[in-house]
């Protein structure tokens, strides 16, 4: 096994999902996730894509992500919306509560630490 991993979503099959019904606000968003790395059950890295819609998010984990394409709006409770487009990066910390709205199908790469 190599200690080098190319970040290539075509090397794994995508997992398909959607927001939990009780979190869905609008639309019929679909997720595709290519989880490329899982280390010790507490660190994950890969690529995530979602189609348009809006849902509530609550984070128990820490996540860094970088938007590769599309347009999304992330809004923390009580704060102004943040528009995210290709090239934007963000960290969501444990305890984050708010909404994620995909305006245009969005793809990001991510690193999550539980």
Protein backbone atom coordinates (compact mmCIF):
# COMPACT_ATOMS: atom_id res chain seq x y z
CA UNK A 1 0.00 0.00 0.00
CA UNK A 2 1.30 3.43 -0.96
CA UNK A 3 1.39 6.41 1.37
CA UNK A 4 0.32 8.56 -1.59
CA UNK A 5 -3.32 8.91 -2.64
CA UNK A 6 -4.38 10.73 -5.79
CA UNK A 7 -7.56 12.73 -5.18
CA UNK A 8 -9.53 11.13 -8.02
CA UNK A 9 -13.29 10.55 -7.64
CA UNK A 10 -13.33 8.22 -10.66
CA UNK A 11 -11.37 5.72 -8.52
CA UNK A 12 -14.38 4.98 -6.25
CA UNK A 13 -18.11 4.53 -6.71
CA UNK A 14 -20.29 7.44 -5.60
CA UNK A 15 -22.66 7.03 -2.67
CA UNK A 16 -26.05 8.59 -3.43
CA UNK A 17 -28.13 10.31 -0.75
CA UNK A 18 -30.34 13.23 0.19
CA UNK A 19 -31.08 15.38 3.23
CA UNK A 20 -33.13 13.74 5.98
CA UNK A 21 -36.83 14.50 5.32
CA UNK A 22 -37.14 16.41 8.61
CA UNK A 23 -34.31 18.76 7.53
CA UNK A 24 -35.52 19.46 4.00
CA UNK A 25 -36.76 23.03 3.45
CA UNK A 26 -37.23 23.15 -0.34
CA UNK A 27 -36.50 21.33 -3.57
CA UNK A 28 -35.46 17.72 -4.06
CA UNK A 29 -31.68 17.83 -3.64
CA UNK A 30 -29.62 14.73 -4.32
CA UNK A 31 -26.12 14.13 -3.02
CA UNK A 32 -23.29 12.17 -4.56
CA UNK A 33 -20.27 11.51 -2.35
CA UNK A 34 -16.97 10.01 -3.38
CA UNK A 35 -15.25 9.21 -0.07
CA UNK A 36 -11.59 8.77 -1.02
CA UNK A 37 -9.98 8.43 2.39
CA UNK A 38 -11.04 7.15 5.78
CA UNK A 39 -8.39 7.20 8.48
CA UNK A 40 -9.03 5.58 11.82
CA UNK A 41 -12.78 6.17 11.66
CA UNK A 42 -12.29 9.83 12.59
CA UNK A 43 -10.98 11.49 9.41
CA UNK A 44 -12.66 11.48 6.01
CA UNK A 45 -11.73 13.16 2.72
CA UNK A 46 -13.36 13.16 -0.68
CA UNK A 47 -15.64 14.95 -3.10
CA UNK A 48 -19.32 15.82 -2.57
CA UNK A 49 -21.86 17.10 -5.06
CA UNK A 50 -25.44 18.26 -4.55
CA UNK A 51 -28.26 19.34 -6.85
CA UNK A 52 -30.47 22.39 -6.08
CA UNK A 53 -32.49 22.55 -2.89
CA UNK A 54 -32.29 23.85 0.68
CA UNK A 55 -31.99 22.01 4.01
CA UNK A 56 -31.02 22.53 7.65
CA UNK A 57 -27.53 21.50 8.73
CA UNK A 58 -26.19 20.78 12.21
CA UNK A 59 -22.51 19.95 12.61
CA UNK A 60 -21.04 17.76 15.34
CA UNK A 61 -17.87 17.38 13.27
CA UNK A 62 -15.21 19.76 11.95
CA UNK A 63 -15.10 20.22 8.16
CA UNK A 64 -12.86 22.07 5.74
CA UNK A 65 -14.09 22.31 2.16
CA UNK A 66 -13.21 23.97 -1.12
CA UNK A 67 -15.87 24.70 -3.75
CA UNK A 68 -14.91 23.25 -7.13
CA UNK A 69 -17.99 24.34 -9.10
CA UNK A 70 -21.52 25.68 -8.71
CA UNK A 71 -23.16 28.17 -6.37
CA UNK A 72 -24.39 27.52 -2.83
CA UNK A 73 -25.47 29.70 0.07
CA UNK A 74 -24.53 28.71 3.63
CA UNK A 75 -26.28 30.61 6.42
CA UNK A 76 -25.44 30.27 10.10
CA UNK A 77 -28.39 30.84 12.46
CA UNK A 78 -28.57 34.56 13.27
CA UNK A 79 -25.93 35.51 10.66
CA UNK A 80 -25.87 36.83 7.11
CA UNK A 81 -25.85 34.34 4.21
CA UNK A 82 -22.49 33.49 2.63
CA UNK A 83 -22.49 32.86 -1.11
CA UNK A 84 -19.99 30.20 -2.16
CA UNK A 85 -18.66 29.72 -5.68
CA UNK A 86 -15.74 27.95 -7.34
CA UNK A 87 -12.51 28.82 -5.53
CA UNK A 88 -14.12 29.58 -2.15
CA UNK A 89 -13.06 27.65 0.95
CA UNK A 90 -14.67 27.41 4.38
CA UNK A 91 -14.40 25.69 7.73
CA UNK A 92 -17.53 24.62 9.60
CA UNK A 93 -16.84 23.93 13.26
CA UNK A 94 -18.68 21.59 15.63
CA UNK A 95 -21.84 23.27 16.88
CA UNK A 96 -22.58 25.02 13.57
CA UNK A 97 -26.33 25.28 12.93
CA UNK A 98 -27.90 26.80 9.87
CA UNK A 99 -28.91 26.06 6.30
CA UNK A 100 -27.25 24.96 3.09
CA UNK A 101 -28.91 26.05 -0.14
CA UNK A 102 -27.67 24.82 -3.50
CA UNK A 103 -28.59 27.38 -6.14
CA UNK A 104 -26.60 25.73 -8.93
CA UNK A 105 -25.35 22.13 -8.66
CA UNK A 106 -22.33 22.39 -6.37
CA UNK A 107 -19.25 20.21 -6.10
CA UNK A 108 -16.71 20.51 -3.29
CA UNK A 109 -13.78 18.58 -1.95
CA UNK A 110 -13.71 18.10 1.80
CA UNK A 111 -11.83 16.92 4.85
CA UNK A 112 -13.94 15.99 7.88
CA UNK A 113 -12.64 15.27 11.37
CA UNK A 114 -15.01 13.69 13.89
